[in-house]
Protein backbone atom coordinates (compact mmCIF):
# COMPACT_ATOMS: atom_id res chain seq x y z
CA MET A 1 -18.47 -6.59 10.58
CA ASP A 2 -20.05 -4.10 12.95
CA SER A 3 -21.34 -0.71 11.81
CA GLN A 4 -18.51 1.27 13.47
CA LEU A 5 -15.84 -0.73 11.63
CA ARG A 6 -17.77 -0.52 8.35
CA SER A 7 -18.04 3.27 8.77
CA PHE A 8 -14.32 3.53 9.53
CA ILE A 9 -13.38 1.58 6.40
CA TYR A 10 -15.80 3.62 4.28
CA GLY A 11 -14.24 6.79 5.70
CA LEU A 12 -10.82 5.71 4.44
CA GLN A 13 -11.98 5.49 0.83
CA THR A 14 -9.90 7.85 -1.26
CA ARG A 15 -11.09 10.19 -3.99
CA THR A 16 -7.89 10.53 -6.05
CA PRO A 17 -5.11 8.18 -7.15
CA LEU A 18 -2.49 10.24 -5.29
CA GLN A 19 -4.54 10.22 -2.09
CA THR A 20 -4.77 6.41 -2.36
CA VAL A 21 -1.00 6.00 -2.56
CA GLU A 22 -0.38 8.56 0.19
CA LEU A 23 -2.78 6.78 2.57
CA TRP A 24 -1.12 3.42 1.83
CA VAL A 25 2.26 5.02 2.62
CA VAL A 26 0.89 6.32 5.96
CA GLY A 27 -0.15 2.75 6.75
CA LEU A 28 3.30 1.49 5.74
CA GLN A 29 5.10 4.06 7.89
CA ASN A 30 2.89 3.35 10.89
CA ARG A 31 3.00 -0.42 10.31
CA SER A 32 -0.80 -0.45 10.09
CA GLY A 33 -2.02 -3.36 8.03
CA ALA A 34 -5.59 -2.20 8.62
CA VAL A 35 -4.97 1.12 6.86
CA GLN A 36 -3.06 -0.57 4.04
CA HIS A 37 -5.80 -3.18 3.64
CA ALA A 38 -8.52 -0.50 3.54
CA VAL A 39 -7.14 1.02 0.31
CA LEU A 40 -6.77 -2.28 -1.55
CA SER A 41 -9.23 -3.40 -4.20
CA PRO A 42 -11.93 -5.81 -3.01
CA ALA A 43 -10.19 -8.70 -4.83
CA LEU A 44 -6.82 -7.88 -3.24
CA GLN A 45 -8.47 -7.45 0.16
CA LYS A 46 -10.04 -10.88 -0.11
CA ARG A 47 -6.76 -12.49 -1.21
CA THR A 48 -4.69 -10.95 1.61
CA GLU A 49 -7.10 -10.63 4.55
CA LYS A 50 -6.05 -13.90 6.20
CA GLN A 51 -2.34 -12.95 6.08
CA PHE A 52 -3.00 -9.50 7.52
CA ALA A 53 -5.14 -11.00 10.29
CA GLU A 54 -2.55 -13.67 11.13
CA ASN A 55 -0.09 -10.85 11.83
CA ASN A 56 -2.65 -8.98 13.97
CA TRP A 57 -2.87 -6.29 11.29
CA VAL A 58 0.73 -5.19 11.95
CA THR A 59 3.08 -4.93 8.98
CA GLY A 60 6.77 -4.20 8.65
CA GLN A 61 9.36 -4.70 11.32
CA SER A 62 11.16 -2.62 13.90
CA SER A 63 14.44 -2.68 12.01
CA PRO A 64 15.33 -1.99 9.26
CA TRP A 65 12.47 0.31 8.32
CA VAL A 66 11.36 2.27 5.28
CA SER A 67 12.27 5.97 5.30
CA ASN A 68 12.36 8.94 2.90
CA ILE A 69 9.54 7.59 0.75
CA HIS A 70 8.82 9.71 -2.30
CA ILE A 71 7.08 9.38 -5.64
CA VAL A 72 9.59 9.41 -8.49
CA HIS A 73 7.24 8.78 -11.41
CA VAL A 74 3.52 8.77 -12.22
CA HIS A 75 2.29 6.95 -15.32
CA LYS A 76 -1.28 7.67 -16.35
CA ILE A 77 -2.39 4.50 -18.12
CA SER A 78 -5.98 5.69 -18.64
CA GLU A 79 -8.61 7.91 -17.05
CA THR A 80 -9.27 5.15 -14.53
CA LYS A 81 -5.81 3.63 -13.99
CA GLN A 82 -2.44 5.04 -12.90
CA GLN A 83 0.90 3.66 -11.74
CA PHE A 84 3.08 5.34 -9.12
CA THR A 85 6.76 4.48 -8.72
CA LEU A 86 8.01 5.06 -5.19
CA ALA A 87 11.63 5.19 -4.05
CA TYR A 88 12.75 4.90 -0.44
CA ASP A 89 15.63 4.08 1.85
CA LEU A 90 15.77 0.97 4.01
CA ILE A 91 17.58 2.03 7.17
CA THR A 92 18.35 1.36 10.82
CA SER A 93 19.70 3.70 13.45
CA TYR A 94 23.23 2.58 12.55
CA ALA A 95 23.27 1.73 8.82
CA SER A 96 21.63 1.96 5.42
CA PHE A 97 20.41 -1.26 3.82
CA GLY A 98 19.92 0.19 0.35
CA LYS A 99 17.33 1.94 -1.75
CA GLY A 100 14.06 0.27 -2.62
CA HIS A 101 11.38 0.75 -5.25
CA LYS A 102 7.69 -0.07 -5.41
CA VAL A 103 5.29 0.31 -8.33
CA ILE A 104 1.72 0.77 -7.14
CA THR A 105 -1.17 0.42 -9.59
CA VAL A 106 -4.27 2.39 -8.61
CA GLU A 107 -7.66 2.07 -10.31
CA LYS A 108 -10.97 3.85 -10.00
CA ASN A 109 -13.79 1.76 -8.56
CA PRO A 110 -15.76 0.53 -11.61
CA GLU A 111 -19.05 0.23 -9.72
CA PRO A 112 -21.66 2.72 -10.99
CA GLY A 113 -21.95 5.78 -8.77
CA ARG A 114 -18.71 5.08 -6.91
CA GLU A 115 -15.92 7.68 -6.98
CA ASN A 116 -13.24 6.01 -4.84
CA TRP A 117 -9.89 4.66 -6.00
CA PHE A 118 -8.07 1.58 -4.75
CA ILE A 119 -4.81 -0.30 -5.19
CA THR A 120 -4.95 -3.29 -7.53
CA LYS A 121 -1.24 -4.23 -7.58
CA ILE A 122 1.97 -3.52 -5.68
CA SER A 123 5.28 -4.69 -7.18
CA THR A 124 8.34 -4.39 -4.97
CA THR A 125 11.92 -4.77 -6.14
CA PHE A 126 13.67 -7.36 -3.98
CA LEU A 127 15.81 -5.84 -1.25
CA PRO A 128 17.43 -8.07 1.40
CA TYR A 129 16.12 -7.55 4.95
CA GLU A 130 13.01 -5.65 3.83
CA ALA A 131 9.69 -6.68 5.37
CA ILE A 132 7.01 -7.14 2.70
CA THR A 133 3.30 -6.63 3.28
CA PRO A 134 0.84 -9.37 2.23
CA ALA A 135 -0.36 -7.39 -0.81
CA GLU A 136 3.09 -6.95 -2.36
CA MET A 137 4.57 -9.05 -5.13
CA ILE A 138 8.37 -9.30 -5.25
CA SER A 139 10.26 -8.69 -8.48
CA LYS A 140 13.99 -9.02 -9.06
């Protein structure tokens, strides 16, 4: 990894749980696997890197797409772990394909001296026609 890329990834490290989720959502909306990957935990990055790369770091699909994403619940598990429940619409220019939900678990980096947060788990409720990113686990 060259120094410019390393600096870019370091620059995307988030300082709060909310900022972590919001940056992941920006990546989702812009179909940027690179941004989504940057806010994952090191273990989740390692597990999903090949899948992201195989898709040229593009996630999602042109239609239907995720819209109207908002946080409906925040559960503070501990001082270093929180869960965010997101709700959204899956839509096209001509129809709605339903409402989706994701639960994103965010944890503080446990390394001494580190202040960043990252995503350790993403659970997505199954919704037909929805594109799922490599880091998401589907639940019924």
